Protein backbone atom coordinates (compact mmCIF):
# COMPACT_ATOMS: atom_id res chain seq x y z
CA MET A 1 1.89 6.16 30.31
CA GLU A 2 1.55 2.99 28.19
CA ILE A 3 -1.43 2.02 26.33
CA GLN A 4 -3.16 -1.21 27.76
CA MET A 5 -3.43 -4.37 25.86
CA GLN A 6 -7.28 -4.27 25.88
CA TYR A 7 -7.43 -1.15 23.82
CA TYR A 8 -5.40 -2.72 21.01
CA LEU A 9 -7.59 -5.84 21.10
CA LEU A 10 -10.59 -3.88 21.08
CA LEU A 11 -9.41 -2.12 18.04
CA GLY A 12 -8.60 -5.54 16.31
CA VAL A 13 -12.16 -6.81 17.30
CA VAL A 14 -13.79 -3.72 15.79
CA MET A 15 -11.87 -3.88 12.58
CA PHE A 16 -12.40 -7.75 12.27
CA PHE A 17 -16.29 -7.40 12.60
CA ALA A 18 -16.42 -4.25 10.43
CA GLY A 19 -14.67 -6.55 7.78
CA VAL A 20 -16.94 -9.51 8.28
CA TYR A 21 -19.99 -7.04 8.01
CA GLY A 22 -18.46 -5.68 4.81
CA PHE A 23 -17.84 -9.04 3.29
CA ILE A 24 -21.33 -10.29 4.07
CA THR A 25 -23.19 -7.06 2.84
CA ARG A 26 -21.15 -5.63 0.10
CA ARG A 27 -22.11 -6.40 -3.62
CA ASN A 28 -18.95 -4.85 -5.25
CA LEU A 29 -15.93 -7.23 -5.60
CA ILE A 30 -13.60 -4.32 -4.61
CA ALA A 31 -15.60 -3.82 -1.41
CA VAL A 32 -15.50 -7.32 -0.68
CA LEU A 33 -11.73 -7.35 -1.16
CA ILE A 34 -11.23 -4.42 1.06
CA SER A 35 -13.32 -6.05 3.79
CA VAL A 36 -11.05 -9.24 3.59
CA GLU A 37 -8.12 -7.03 3.87
CA LEU A 38 -9.53 -5.30 6.81
CA ASN A 39 -9.94 -8.85 8.48
CA LEU A 40 -6.22 -9.55 7.76
CA ASN A 41 -5.13 -6.39 9.21
CA ALA A 42 -7.05 -6.94 12.35
CA VAL A 43 -5.45 -10.41 12.63
CA ASP A 44 -1.98 -8.66 12.22
CA ILE A 45 -2.60 -6.19 14.90
CA ASN A 46 -3.55 -9.05 17.24
CA PHE A 47 -0.25 -10.91 16.28
CA ALA A 48 1.73 -7.88 17.19
CA VAL A 49 -0.23 -6.97 20.30
CA PHE A 50 0.20 -10.62 21.84
CA ASN A 51 3.86 -10.60 20.86
CA ARG A 52 4.57 -7.26 22.55
CA TYR A 53 2.57 -8.02 25.73
CA LEU A 54 3.01 -11.61 26.31
CA TYR A 55 6.56 -12.22 24.96
CA PRO A 56 8.23 -8.84 24.67
CA GLY A 57 11.69 -10.32 24.15
CA GLU A 58 10.67 -12.64 21.32
CA LEU A 59 9.92 -11.90 17.75
CA GLU A 60 7.70 -14.66 16.70
CA GLY A 61 4.46 -12.47 16.55
CA MET A 62 6.25 -9.93 14.50
CA PHE A 63 7.44 -12.67 12.04
CA PHE A 64 3.88 -13.96 11.74
CA THR A 65 2.72 -10.35 11.07
CA ILE A 66 5.26 -9.77 8.27
CA PHE A 67 4.46 -13.05 6.80
CA ALA A 68 0.70 -12.43 7.03
CA ILE A 69 1.36 -8.94 5.40
CA ALA A 70 3.18 -10.64 2.51
CA ILE A 71 0.51 -13.36 2.09
CA ALA A 72 -2.14 -10.58 1.89
CA ALA A 73 -0.20 -8.69 -0.76
CA ALA A 74 -0.07 -11.73 -2.88
CA GLU A 75 -3.67 -12.44 -2.26
CA THR A 76 -4.69 -8.88 -3.30
CA ALA A 77 -2.53 -9.11 -6.60
CA VAL A 78 -4.49 -12.43 -7.37
CA ALA A 79 -7.84 -11.04 -6.55
CA ILE A 80 -7.29 -7.83 -8.44
CA ALA A 81 -6.38 -9.84 -11.58
CA ILE A 82 -9.54 -11.85 -11.15
CA ILE A 83 -11.59 -8.88 -10.61
CA ILE A 84 -10.04 -7.34 -13.87
CA ASN A 85 -10.82 -10.45 -15.85
CA VAL A 86 -14.45 -10.49 -14.46
CA TYR A 87 -14.93 -6.84 -15.54
CA ARG A 88 -13.63 -7.72 -19.01
CA ASN A 89 -16.13 -10.53 -19.48
CA LEU A 90 -19.09 -8.94 -17.76
CA SER A 91 -18.57 -5.17 -17.90
CA ASN A 92 -19.25 -4.91 -14.32
CA ILE A 93 -17.94 -6.31 -10.83
CA GLU A 94 -21.16 -7.04 -9.06
CA VAL A 95 -21.12 -10.24 -6.92
CA ARG A 96 -24.63 -11.11 -8.15
CA ASN A 97 -23.51 -11.17 -11.69
CA LEU A 98 -20.77 -13.80 -11.20
CA ASP A 99 -23.04 -16.72 -12.12
CA GLN A 100 -23.09 -15.44 -15.60
CA LEU A 101 -19.50 -16.51 -16.07
CA GLN A 102 -20.64 -20.25 -16.34
CA GLU A 103 -20.68 -21.69 -19.87
CA PRO A 104 -24.23 -22.75 -20.58
CA THR A 105 -24.60 -26.42 -20.46
CA GLU A 106 -26.10 -28.07 -23.59
CA THR A 107 -29.33 -29.78 -22.92
CA THR A 108 -29.99 -32.43 -25.70
CA GLU A 109 -32.97 -34.63 -25.72
CA PRO A 110 -32.32 -38.19 -25.93
CA GLU A 111 -32.46 -39.66 -29.21
CA GLU A 112 -35.18 -42.00 -30.18
CA LYS A 113 -34.12 -45.50 -31.27
CA ALA A 114 -35.71 -46.82 -34.39
């Protein structure tokens, strides 16, 4: 008995929208990163499923999946490096505190001409 394509796609949709929900609602940068990874994994599942059921003799979907996994790994490494630097500067990794990373702009009053 073979599992039908709709069940895999349903799993991908649930994973994708769980990732979107987590991305929108989480305040911690690590949780946001996990949500983005969940979205990417849902897309990878869809690549593999469409390849398996629509073009069973071809490997394009599998190549796209492997490429997407490699890109996700690189993206995660860069994101973790950014999160570590944010923690070093702010001592927390809350999203709402990221605006504190801006350098304060100097507001000087215009000089009066004599």
